[in-house]
PDB file of all heavy atoms in Angstrom:
ATOM      1  N   LYS A   1      34.102  65.752 -77.228  1.00  0.00           N
ATOM      2  CA  LYS A   1      35.607  65.845 -77.383  1.00  0.00           C
ATOM      3  C   LYS A   1      36.034  67.280 -77.581  1.00  0.00           C
ATOM      4  O   LYS A   1      35.463  68.029 -78.443  1.00  0.00           O
ATOM      5  CB  LYS A   1      36.057  65.014 -78.523  1.00  0.00           C
ATOM      6  CG  LYS A   1      37.555  65.072 -78.826  1.00  0.00           C
ATOM      7  CD  LYS A   1      37.868  64.250 -80.083  1.00  0.00           C
ATOM      8  CE  LYS A   1      39.356  64.429 -80.536  1.00  0.00           C
ATOM      9  NZ  LYS A   1      40.284  64.035 -79.463  1.00  0.00           N
ATOM     10  N   HIS A   2      36.999  67.709 -76.812  1.00  0.00           N
ATOM     11  CA  HIS A   2      37.551  69.052 -77.020  1.00  0.00           C
ATOM     12  C   HIS A   2      38.306  69.140 -78.333  1.00  0.00           C
ATOM     13  O   HIS A   2      39.174  68.293 -78.622  1.00  0.00           O
ATOM     14  CB  HIS A   2      38.475  69.378 -75.835  1.00  0.00           C
ATOM     15  CG  HIS A   2      39.084  70.764 -76.002  1.00  0.00           C
ATOM     16  ND1 HIS A   2      40.473  70.946 -76.265  1.00  0.00           N
ATOM     17  CD2 HIS A   2      38.552  71.989 -75.946  1.00  0.00           C
ATOM     18  CE1 HIS A   2      40.742  72.208 -76.384  1.00  0.00           C
ATOM     19  NE2 HIS A   2      39.612  72.904 -76.147  1.00  0.00           N
ATOM     20  N   ILE A   3      38.044  70.174 -79.084  1.00  0.00           N
ATOM     21  CA  ILE A   3      38.721  70.437 -80.359  1.00  0.00           C
ATOM     22  C   ILE A   3      39.725  71.571 -80.198  1.00  0.00           C
ATOM     23  O   ILE A   3      40.929  71.433 -80.353  1.00  0.00           O
ATOM     24  CB  ILE A   3      37.698  70.758 -81.506  1.00  0.00           C
ATOM     25  CG1 ILE A   3      36.696  69.635 -81.608  1.00  0.00           C
ATOM     26  CG2 ILE A   3      38.475  70.978 -82.805  1.00  0.00           C
ATOM     27  CD1 ILE A   3      37.216  68.282 -81.915  1.00  0.00           C
ATOM     28  N   GLU A   4      39.268  72.746 -79.833  1.00  0.00           N
ATOM     29  CA  GLU A   4      40.094  73.900 -79.522  1.00  0.00           C
ATOM     30  C   GLU A   4      39.259  74.977 -78.861  1.00  0.00           C
ATOM     31  O   GLU A   4      38.005  75.008 -79.070  1.00  0.00           O
ATOM     32  CB  GLU A   4      40.729  74.530 -80.816  1.00  0.00           C
ATOM     33  CG  GLU A   4      39.712  75.024 -81.825  1.00  0.00           C
ATOM     34  CD  GLU A   4      40.382  75.586 -83.061  1.00  0.00           C
ATOM     35  OE1 GLU A   4      41.625  75.568 -83.144  1.00  0.00           O
ATOM     36  OE2 GLU A   4      39.667  76.109 -83.921  1.00  0.00           O
ATOM     37  N   GLY A   5      39.889  75.769 -78.056  1.00  0.00           N
ATOM     38  CA  GLY A   5      39.145  76.862 -77.347  1.00  0.00           C
ATOM     39  C   GLY A   5      37.987  76.300 -76.581  1.00  0.00           C
ATOM     40  O   GLY A   5      38.129  75.425 -75.753  1.00  0.00           O
ATOM     41  N   THR A   6      36.766  76.827 -76.909  1.00  0.00           N
ATOM     42  CA  THR A   6      35.544  76.319 -76.296  1.00  0.00           C
ATOM     43  C   THR A   6      34.761  75.493 -77.347  1.00  0.00           C
ATOM     44  O   THR A   6      33.497  75.425 -77.227  1.00  0.00           O
ATOM     45  CB  THR A   6      34.695  77.478 -75.739  1.00  0.00           C
ATOM     46  OG1 THR A   6      34.442  78.399 -76.823  1.00  0.00           O
ATOM     47  CG2 THR A   6      35.414  78.201 -74.635  1.00  0.00           C
ATOM     48  N   THR A   7      35.407  74.929 -78.329  1.00  0.00           N
ATOM     49  CA  THR A   7      34.741  74.092 -79.284  1.00  0.00           C
ATOM     50  C   THR A   7      34.859  72.625 -78.926  1.00  0.00           C
ATOM     51  O   THR A   7      35.969  72.132 -78.734  1.00  0.00           O
ATOM     52  CB  THR A   7      35.367  74.325 -80.687  1.00  0.00           C
ATOM     53  OG1 THR A   7      35.227  75.658 -81.077  1.00  0.00           O
ATOM     54  CG2 THR A   7      34.680  73.435 -81.744  1.00  0.00           C
ATOM     55  N   TYR A   8      33.733  72.001 -78.843  1.00  0.00           N
ATOM     56  CA  TYR A   8      33.649  70.546 -78.472  1.00  0.00           C
ATOM     57  C   TYR A   8      32.818  69.814 -79.517  1.00  0.00           C
ATOM     58  O   TYR A   8      31.798  70.290 -80.009  1.00  0.00           O
ATOM     59  CB  TYR A   8      33.030  70.373 -77.098  1.00  0.00           C
ATOM     60  CG  TYR A   8      33.962  70.747 -76.005  1.00  0.00           C
ATOM     61  CD1 TYR A   8      34.197  72.104 -75.693  1.00  0.00           C
ATOM     62  CD2 TYR A   8      34.608  69.789 -75.196  1.00  0.00           C
ATOM     63  CE1 TYR A   8      35.046  72.461 -74.642  1.00  0.00           C
ATOM     64  CE2 TYR A   8      35.481  70.152 -74.163  1.00  0.00           C
ATOM     65  CZ  TYR A   8      35.680  71.473 -73.913  1.00  0.00           C
ATOM     66  OH  TYR A   8      36.534  71.819 -72.887  1.00  0.00           O
ATOM     67  N   ALA A   9      33.318  68.681 -79.947  1.00  0.00           N
ATOM     68  CA  ALA A   9      32.593  67.865 -80.932  1.00  0.00           C
ATOM     69  C   ALA A   9      31.657  66.881 -80.305  1.00  0.00           C
ATOM     70  O   ALA A   9      32.044  66.133 -79.355  1.00  0.00           O
ATOM     71  CB  ALA A   9      33.597  67.124 -81.802  1.00  0.00           C
ATOM     72  N   GLU A  10      30.407  66.816 -80.743  1.00  0.00           N
ATOM     73  CA  GLU A  10      29.392  65.875 -80.273  1.00  0.00           C
ATOM     74  C   GLU A  10      29.640  64.563 -80.934  1.00  0.00           C
ATOM     75  O   GLU A  10      29.755  64.430 -82.148  1.00  0.00           O
ATOM     76  CB  GLU A  10      28.007  66.412 -80.630  1.00  0.00           C
ATOM     77  CG  GLU A  10      26.876  65.378 -80.343  1.00  0.00           C
ATOM     78  CD  GLU A  10      25.609  65.722 -81.110  1.00  0.00           C
ATOM     79  OE1 GLU A  10      25.636  66.655 -81.898  1.00  0.00           O
ATOM     80  OE2 GLU A  10      24.624  64.989 -80.895  1.00  0.00           O
ATOM     81  N   ASN A  11      29.642  63.444 -80.123  1.00  0.00           N
ATOM     82  CA  ASN A  11      29.684  62.109 -80.657  1.00  0.00           C
ATOM     83  C   ASN A  11      28.585  61.299 -79.998  1.00  0.00           C
ATOM     84  O   ASN A  11      28.521  61.157 -78.786  1.00  0.00           O
ATOM     85  CB  ASN A  11      31.076  61.440 -80.223  1.00  0.00           C
ATOM     86  CG  ASN A  11      32.268  62.242 -80.799  1.00  0.00           C
ATOM     87  OD1 ASN A  11      32.692  61.969 -81.907  1.00  0.00           O
ATOM     88  ND2 ASN A  11      32.783  63.147 -80.026  1.00  0.00           N
ATOM     89  N   ILE A  12      27.659  60.730 -80.818  1.00  0.00           N
ATOM     90  CA  ILE A  12      26.506  60.053 -80.320  1.00  0.00           C
ATOM     91  C   ILE A  12      26.829  58.617 -79.881  1.00  0.00           C
ATOM     92  O   ILE A  12      27.445  57.883 -80.640  1.00  0.00           O
ATOM     93  CB  ILE A  12      25.414  60.061 -81.412  1.00  0.00           C
ATOM     94  CG1 ILE A  12      24.953  61.509 -81.666  1.00  0.00           C
ATOM     95  CG2 ILE A  12      24.243  59.165 -80.954  1.00  0.00           C
ATOM     96  CD1 ILE A  12      23.937  61.598 -82.829  1.00  0.00           C
ATOM     97  N   VAL A  13      26.452  58.320 -78.674  1.00  0.00           N
ATOM     98  CA  VAL A  13      26.464  56.948 -78.215  1.00  0.00           C
ATOM     99  C   VAL A  13      25.159  56.259 -78.417  1.00  0.00           C
ATOM    100  O   VAL A  13      25.084  55.192 -78.975  1.00  0.00           O
ATOM    101  CB  VAL A  13      26.898  56.900 -76.676  1.00  0.00           C
ATOM    102  CG1 VAL A  13      26.988  55.499 -76.160  1.00  0.00           C
ATOM    103  CG2 VAL A  13      28.232  57.638 -76.508  1.00  0.00           C
ATOM    104  N   ASP A  14      24.096  56.857 -77.861  1.00  0.00           N
ATOM    105  CA  ASP A  14      22.705  56.324 -78.037  1.00  0.00           C
ATOM    106  C   ASP A  14      21.783  57.541 -77.964  1.00  0.00           C
ATOM    107  O   ASP A  14      21.457  58.009 -76.852  1.00  0.00           O
ATOM    108  CB  ASP A  14      22.395  55.331 -76.927  1.00  0.00           C
ATOM    109  CG  ASP A  14      21.061  54.594 -77.153  1.00  0.00           C
ATOM    110  OD1 ASP A  14      20.244  55.107 -77.923  1.00  0.00           O
ATOM    111  OD2 ASP A  14      20.859  53.563 -76.543  1.00  0.00           O
ATOM    112  N   ALA A  15      21.322  57.997 -79.115  1.00  0.00           N
ATOM    113  CA  ALA A  15      20.456  59.170 -79.127  1.00  0.00           C
ATOM    114  C   ALA A  15      19.069  58.859 -78.571  1.00  0.00           C
ATOM    115  O   ALA A  15      18.307  59.815 -78.271  1.00  0.00           O
ATOM    116  CB  ALA A  15      20.251  59.639 -80.596  1.00  0.00           C
ATOM    117  N   GLY A  16      18.737  57.588 -78.389  1.00  0.00           N
ATOM    118  CA  GLY A  16      17.460  57.246 -77.762  1.00  0.00           C
ATOM    119  C   GLY A  16      17.546  57.143 -76.286  1.00  0.00           C
ATOM    120  O   GLY A  16      16.584  56.691 -75.602  1.00  0.00           O
ATOM    121  N   TYR A  17      18.697  57.534 -75.724  1.00  0.00           N
ATOM    122  CA  TYR A  17      18.873  57.439 -74.259  1.00  0.00           C
ATOM    123  C   TYR A  17      19.480  58.728 -73.718  1.00  0.00           C
ATOM    124  O   TYR A  17      20.429  58.694 -72.896  1.00  0.00           O
ATOM    125  CB  TYR A  17      19.747  56.219 -73.894  1.00  0.00           C
ATOM    126  CG  TYR A  17      19.233  55.446 -72.614  1.00  0.00           C
ATOM    127  CD1 TYR A  17      19.807  54.247 -72.311  1.00  0.00           C
ATOM    128  CD2 TYR A  17      18.196  55.941 -71.833  1.00  0.00           C
ATOM    129  CE1 TYR A  17      19.377  53.526 -71.190  1.00  0.00           C
ATOM    130  CE2 TYR A  17      17.751  55.245 -70.713  1.00  0.00           C
ATOM    131  CZ  TYR A  17      18.349  54.023 -70.426  1.00  0.00           C
ATOM    132  OH  TYR A  17      17.922  53.310 -69.293  1.00  0.00           O
ATOM    133  N   ALA A  18      18.926  59.816 -74.173  1.00  0.00           N
ATOM    134  CA  ALA A  18      19.474  61.143 -73.770  1.00  0.00           C
ATOM    135  C   ALA A  18      19.124  61.454 -72.335  1.00  0.00           C
ATOM    136  O   ALA A  18      19.783  62.187 -71.647  1.00  0.00           O
ATOM    137  CB  ALA A  18      18.994  62.232 -74.731  1.00  0.00           C
ATOM    138  N   PHE A  19      17.942  60.974 -71.886  1.00  0.00           N
ATOM    139  CA  PHE A  19      17.429  61.268 -70.535  1.00  0.00           C
ATOM    140  C   PHE A  19      17.866  60.081 -69.656  1.00  0.00           C
ATOM    141  O   PHE A  19      17.118  59.196 -69.358  1.00  0.00           O
ATOM    142  CB  PHE A  19      15.853  61.344 -70.589  1.00  0.00           C
ATOM    143  CG  PHE A  19      15.239  61.937 -69.408  1.00  0.00           C
ATOM    144  CD1 PHE A  19      15.488  63.241 -69.024  1.00  0.00           C
ATOM    145  CD2 PHE A  19      14.338  61.193 -68.600  1.00  0.00           C
ATOM    146  CE1 PHE A  19      14.878  63.808 -67.896  1.00  0.00           C
ATOM    147  CE2 PHE A  19      13.717  61.695 -67.515  1.00  0.00           C
ATOM    148  CZ  PHE A  19      13.999  63.001 -67.151  1.00  0.00           C
ATOM    149  N   SER A  20      19.109  60.160 -69.185  1.00  0.00           N
ATOM    150  CA  SER A  20      19.745  59.000 -68.485  1.00  0.00           C
ATOM    151  C   SER A  20      20.812  59.458 -67.543  1.00  0.00           C
ATOM    152  O   SER A  20      21.385  60.561 -67.764  1.00  0.00           O
ATOM    153  CB  SER A  20      20.262  57.993 -69.499  1.00  0.00           C
ATOM    154  OG  SER A  20      21.224  58.600 -70.322  1.00  0.00           O
ATOM    155  N   ARG A  21      21.124  58.647 -66.570  1.00  0.00           N
ATOM    156  CA  ARG A  21      22.324  58.809 -65.755  1.00  0.00           C
ATOM    157  C   ARG A  21      23.472  58.180 -66.481  1.00  0.00           C
ATOM    158  O   ARG A  21      23.298  57.218 -67.300  1.00  0.00           O
ATOM    159  CB  ARG A  21      22.133  58.147 -64.386  1.00  0.00           C
ATOM    160  CG  ARG A  21      20.805  58.340 -63.713  1.00  0.00           C
ATOM    161  CD  ARG A  21      20.453  59.837 -63.659  1.00  0.00           C
ATOM    162  NE  ARG A  21      21.336  60.604 -62.785  1.00  0.00           N
ATOM    163  CZ  ARG A  21      21.662  61.870 -63.024  1.00  0.00           C
ATOM    164  NH1 ARG A  21      21.159  62.534 -64.066  1.00  0.00           N
ATOM    165  NH2 ARG A  21      22.440  62.525 -62.217  1.00  0.00           N
ATOM    166  N   ALA A  22      24.695  58.695 -66.251  1.00  0.00           N
ATOM    167  CA  ALA A  22      25.869  58.211 -67.004  1.00  0.00           C
ATOM    168  C   ALA A  22      27.044  57.900 -66.132  1.00  0.00           C
ATOM    169  O   ALA A  22      27.248  58.527 -65.084  1.00  0.00           O
ATOM    170  CB  ALA A  22      26.225  59.313 -68.026  1.00  0.00           C
ATOM    171  N   ALA A  23      27.809  56.900 -66.528  1.00  0.00           N
ATOM    172  CA  ALA A  23      29.088  56.571 -65.880  1.00  0.00           C
ATOM    173  C   ALA A  23      30.004  55.954 -66.937  1.00  0.00           C
ATOM    174  O   ALA A  23      29.489  55.566 -68.014  1.00  0.00           O
ATOM    175  CB  ALA A  23      28.866  55.656 -64.742  1.00  0.00           C
ATOM    176  N   ALA A  24      31.253  55.878 -66.708  1.00  0.00           N
ATOM    177  CA  ALA A  24      32.146  55.311 -67.677  1.00  0.00           C
ATOM    178  C   ALA A  24      33.402  54.752 -66.988  1.00  0.00           C
ATOM    179  O   ALA A  24      33.752  55.169 -65.916  1.00  0.00           O
ATOM    180  CB  ALA A  24      32.581  56.346 -68.700  1.00  0.00           C
ATOM    181  N   GLY A  25      34.074  53.820 -67.640  1.00  0.00           N
ATOM    182  CA  GLY A  25      35.284  53.164 -67.119  1.00  0.00           C
ATOM    183  C   GLY A  25      35.623  51.972 -67.961  1.00  0.00           C
ATOM    184  O   GLY A  25      34.834  51.518 -68.795  1.00  0.00           O
ATOM    185  N   GLN A  26      36.828  51.448 -67.662  1.00  0.00           N
ATOM    186  CA  GLN A  26      37.344  50.257 -68.433  1.00  0.00           C
ATOM    187  C   GLN A  26      36.731  48.995 -67.880  1.00  0.00           C
ATOM    188  O   GLN A  26      37.321  48.228 -67.171  1.00  0.00           O
ATOM    189  CB  GLN A  26      38.842  50.196 -68.336  1.00  0.00           C
ATOM    190  CG  GLN A  26      39.492  49.320 -69.430  1.00  0.00           C
ATOM    191  CD  GLN A  26      39.352  49.941 -70.880  1.00  0.00           C
ATOM    192  OE1 GLN A  26      39.853  51.076 -71.055  1.00  0.00           O
ATOM    193  NE2 GLN A  26      38.692  49.270 -71.764  1.00  0.00           N
ATOM    194  N   LEU A  27      35.445  48.759 -68.215  1.00  0.00           N
ATOM    195  CA  LEU A  27      34.710  47.546 -67.716  1.00  0.00           C
ATOM    196  C   LEU A  27      35.132  46.346 -68.477  1.00  0.00           C
ATOM    197  O   LEU A  27      34.958  45.248 -67.928  1.00  0.00           O
ATOM    198  CB  LEU A  27      33.216  47.826 -67.723  1.00  0.00           C
ATOM    199  CG  LEU A  27      32.712  48.855 -66.757  1.00  0.00           C
ATOM    200  CD1 LEU A  27      31.525  49.573 -67.290  1.00  0.00           C
ATOM    201  CD2 LEU A  27      32.386  48.171 -65.445  1.00  0.00           C
ATOM    202  N   ILE A  28      35.498  46.482 -69.744  1.00  0.00           N
ATOM    203  CA  ILE A  28      36.011  45.352 -70.515  1.00  0.00           C
ATOM    204  C   ILE A  28      37.466  45.659 -70.882  1.00  0.00           C
ATOM    205  O   ILE A  28      37.769  46.729 -71.378  1.00  0.00           O
ATOM    206  CB  ILE A  28      35.106  45.171 -71.819  1.00  0.00           C
ATOM    207  CG1 ILE A  28      33.677  44.920 -71.397  1.00  0.00           C
ATOM    208  CG2 ILE A  28      35.651  44.108 -72.649  1.00  0.00           C
ATOM    209  CD1 ILE A  28      32.710  44.901 -72.563  1.00  0.00           C
ATOM    210  N   GLU A  29      38.282  44.621 -70.644  1.00  0.00           N
ATOM    211  CA  GLU A  29      39.740  44.884 -70.816  1.00  0.00           C
ATOM    212  C   GLU A  29      40.063  45.217 -72.294  1.00  0.00           C
ATOM    213  O   GLU A  29      39.528  44.541 -73.211  1.00  0.00           O
ATOM    214  CB  GLU A  29      40.523  43.643 -70.361  1.00  0.00           C
ATOM    215  CG  GLU A  29      40.385  43.373 -68.838  1.00  0.00           C
ATOM    216  CD  GLU A  29      40.962  42.030 -68.457  1.00  0.00           C
ATOM    217  OE1 GLU A  29      41.425  41.329 -69.361  1.00  0.00           O
ATOM    218  OE2 GLU A  29      40.939  41.708 -67.257  1.00  0.00           O
ATOM    219  N   GLY A  30      40.939  46.184 -72.509  1.00  0.00           N
ATOM    220  CA  GLY A  30      41.366  46.538 -73.858  1.00  0.00           C
ATOM    221  C   GLY A  30      40.364  47.504 -74.458  1.00  0.00           C
ATOM    222  O   GLY A  30      39.239  47.637 -74.131  1.00  0.00           O
ATOM    223  N   GLY A  31      40.856  48.287 -75.476  1.00  0.00           N
ATOM    224  CA  GLY A  31      40.014  49.193 -76.161  1.00  0.00           C
ATOM    225  C   GLY A  31      39.609  50.458 -75.382  1.00  0.00           C
ATOM    226  O   GLY A  31      40.251  50.786 -74.367  1.00  0.00           O
ATOM    227  N   ARG A  32      38.624  51.090 -75.849  1.00  0.00           N
ATOM    228  CA  ARG A  32      38.196  52.337 -75.172  1.00  0.00           C
ATOM    229  C   ARG A  32      37.396  52.017 -73.924  1.00  0.00           C
ATOM    230  O   ARG A  32      36.866  50.921 -73.790  1.00  0.00           O
ATOM    231  CB  ARG A  32      37.223  53.112 -76.138  1.00  0.00           C
ATOM    232  CG  ARG A  32      37.902  53.695 -77.371  1.00  0.00           C
ATOM    233  CD  ARG A  32      36.885  54.560 -78.194  1.00  0.00           C
ATOM    234  NE  ARG A  32      37.546  55.193 -79.289  1.00  0.00           N
ATOM    235  CZ  ARG A  32      36.959  56.171 -80.036  1.00  0.00           C
ATOM    236  NH1 ARG A  32      35.697  56.476 -79.795  1.00  0.00           N
ATOM    237  NH2 ARG A  32      37.621  56.744 -81.002  1.00  0.00           N
ATOM    238  N   PRO A  33      37.325  52.978 -72.978  1.00  0.00           N
ATOM    239  CA  PRO A  33      36.456  52.790 -71.838  1.00  0.00           C
ATOM    240  C   PRO A  33      35.039  52.576 -72.300  1.00  0.00           C
ATOM    241  O   PRO A  33      34.590  53.138 -73.316  1.00  0.00           O
ATOM    242  CB  PRO A  33      36.646  54.126 -71.045  1.00  0.00           C
ATOM    243  CG  PRO A  33      37.914  54.685 -71.521  1.00  0.00           C
ATOM    244  CD  PRO A  33      38.047  54.280 -72.915  1.00  0.00           C
ATOM    245  N   GLU A  34      34.307  51.812 -71.517  1.00  0.00           N
ATOM    246  CA  GLU A  34      32.889  51.578 -71.799  1.00  0.00           C
ATOM    247  C   GLU A  34      32.041  52.694 -71.142  1.00  0.00           C
ATOM    248  O   GLU A  34      32.487  53.337 -70.153  1.00  0.00           O
ATOM    249  CB  GLU A  34      32.439  50.226 -71.268  1.00  0.00           C
ATOM    250  CG  GLU A  34      32.845  49.047 -72.127  1.00  0.00           C
ATOM    251  CD  GLU A  34      34.370  48.825 -72.169  1.00  0.00           C
ATOM    252  OE1 GLU A  34      35.044  48.827 -71.098  1.00  0.00           O
ATOM    253  OE2 GLU A  34      34.945  48.722 -73.276  1.00  0.00           O
ATOM    254  N   ILE A  35      30.856  52.889 -71.656  1.00  0.00           N
ATOM    255  CA  ILE A  35      29.896  53.870 -71.143  1.00  0.00           C
ATOM    256  C   ILE A  35      28.712  53.115 -70.653  1.00  0.00           C
ATOM    257  O   ILE A  35      28.166  52.206 -71.284  1.00  0.00           O
ATOM    258  CB  ILE A  35      29.526  54.887 -72.176  1.00  0.00           C
ATOM    259  CG1 ILE A  35      30.756  55.750 -72.578  1.00  0.00           C
ATOM    260  CG2 ILE A  35      28.395  55.766 -71.715  1.00  0.00           C
ATOM    261  CD1 ILE A  35      30.603  56.680 -73.693  1.00  0.00           C
ATOM    262  N   VAL A  36      28.215  53.486 -69.482  1.00  0.00           N
ATOM    263  CA  VAL A  36      27.016  52.876 -68.878  1.00  0.00           C
ATOM    264  C   VAL A  36      25.924  53.938 -68.780  1.00  0.00           C
ATOM    265  O   VAL A  36      26.206  55.045 -68.277  1.00  0.00           O
ATOM    266  CB  VAL A  36      27.329  52.291 -67.451  1.00  0.00           C
ATOM    267  CG1 VAL A  36      26.047  51.692 -66.845  1.00  0.00           C
ATOM    268  CG2 VAL A  36      28.473  51.307 -67.530  1.00  0.00           C
ATOM    269  N   LEU A  37      24.753  53.664 -69.206  1.00  0.00           N
ATOM    270  CA  LEU A  37      23.597  54.581 -69.153  1.00  0.00           C
ATOM    271  C   LEU A  37      22.429  53.791 -68.507  1.00  0.00           C
ATOM    272  O   LEU A  37      22.244  52.623 -68.775  1.00  0.00           O
ATOM    273  CB  LEU A  37      23.195  55.073 -70.529  1.00  0.00           C
ATOM    274  CG  LEU A  37      24.210  55.832 -71.361  1.00  0.00           C
ATOM    275  CD1 LEU A  37      23.633  56.214 -72.677  1.00  0.00           C
ATOM    276  CD2 LEU A  37      24.741  57.047 -70.640  1.00  0.00           C
ATOM    277  N   VAL A  38      21.685  54.526 -67.648  1.00  0.00           N
ATOM    278  CA  VAL A  38      20.508  53.911 -67.034  1.00  0.00           C
ATOM    279  C   VAL A  38      19.504  55.020 -66.808  1.00  0.00           C
ATOM    280  O   VAL A  38      19.816  56.239 -66.655  1.00  0.00           O
ATOM    281  CB  VAL A  38      20.838  53.258 -65.676  1.00  0.00           C
ATOM    282  CG1 VAL A  38      21.210  54.262 -64.623  1.00  0.00           C
ATOM    283  CG2 VAL A  38      19.760  52.327 -65.191  1.00  0.00           C
ATOM    284  N   VAL A  39      18.265  54.655 -66.760  1.00  0.00           N
ATOM    285  CA  VAL A  39      17.203  55.601 -66.610  1.00  0.00           C
ATOM    286  C   VAL A  39      17.239  56.154 -65.149  1.00  0.00           C
ATOM    287  O   VAL A  39      17.381  55.426 -64.251  1.00  0.00           O
ATOM    288  CB  VAL A  39      15.781  54.948 -66.873  1.00  0.00           C
ATOM    289  CG1 VAL A  39      15.509  53.814 -65.952  1.00  0.00           C
ATOM    290  CG2 VAL A  39      14.691  55.954 -66.820  1.00  0.00           C
ATOM    291  N   GLY A  40      17.154  57.495 -65.036  1.00  0.00           N
ATOM    292  CA  GLY A  40      17.072  58.128 -63.682  1.00  0.00           C
ATOM    293  C   GLY A  40      15.638  58.217 -63.253  1.00  0.00           C
ATOM    294  O   GLY A  40      15.273  57.911 -62.074  1.00  0.00           O
ATOM    295  N   ASP A  41      14.781  58.698 -64.143  1.00  0.00           N
ATOM    296  CA  ASP A  41      13.354  58.876 -63.907  1.00  0.00           C
ATOM    297  C   ASP A  41      12.608  58.138 -65.005  1.00  0.00           C
ATOM    298  O   ASP A  41      12.603  58.590 -66.129  1.00  0.00           O
ATOM    299  CB  ASP A  41      12.937  60.329 -63.885  1.00  0.00           C
ATOM    300  CG  ASP A  41      13.679  61.102 -62.798  1.00  0.00           C
ATOM    301  OD1 ASP A  41      13.285  60.996 -61.643  1.00  0.00           O
ATOM    302  OD2 ASP A  41      14.656  61.846 -63.162  1.00  0.00           O
ATOM    303  N   GLY A  42      11.931  57.001 -64.675  1.00  0.00           N
ATOM    304  CA  GLY A  42      11.241  56.191 -65.654  1.00  0.00           C
ATOM    305  C   GLY A  42      11.620  54.735 -65.503  1.00  0.00           C
ATOM    306  O   GLY A  42      12.255  54.338 -64.481  1.00  0.00           O
ATOM    307  N   VAL A  43      11.258  53.945 -66.487  1.00  0.00           N
ATOM    308  CA  VAL A  43      11.574  52.524 -66.503  1.00  0.00           C
ATOM    309  C   VAL A  43      12.218  52.168 -67.833  1.00  0.00           C
ATOM    310  O   VAL A  43      11.630  52.389 -68.849  1.00  0.00           O
ATOM    311  CB  VAL A  43      10.282  51.659 -66.315  1.00  0.00           C
ATOM    312  CG1 VAL A  43      10.659  50.202 -66.283  1.00  0.00           C
ATOM    313  CG2 VAL A  43       9.621  52.039 -64.987  1.00  0.00           C
ATOM    314  N   ALA A  44      13.444  51.619 -67.776  1.00  0.00           N
ATOM    315  CA  ALA A  44      14.171  51.310 -68.961  1.00  0.00           C
ATOM    316  C   ALA A  44      15.395  50.436 -68.581  1.00  0.00           C
ATOM    317  O   ALA A  44      15.672  50.199 -67.409  1.00  0.00           O
ATOM    318  CB  ALA A  44      14.724  52.585 -69.632  1.00  0.00           C
ATOM    319  N   PRO A  45      16.152  49.873 -69.569  1.00  0.00           N
ATOM    320  CA  PRO A  45      17.235  48.995 -69.229  1.00  0.00           C
ATOM    321  C   PRO A  45      18.498  49.733 -68.666  1.00  0.00           C
ATOM    322  O   PRO A  45      18.666  50.931 -68.911  1.00  0.00           O
ATOM    323  CB  PRO A  45      17.583  48.310 -70.542  1.00  0.00           C
ATOM    324  CG  PRO A  45      16.523  48.656 -71.497  1.00  0.00           C
ATOM    325  CD  PRO A  45      15.869  49.920 -70.990  1.00  0.00           C
TER     326      PRO A  45
END
């Protein structure tokens, strides 16, 4: 999240899935957009 200038705040979604492809959108109605993560190289959910 942008704070000011070039300062951005880190917010963890899943620290155990850092090596992943990412996408996001309103997949479930209401609330915040959902985040989708999947393994790019390897085998995982």
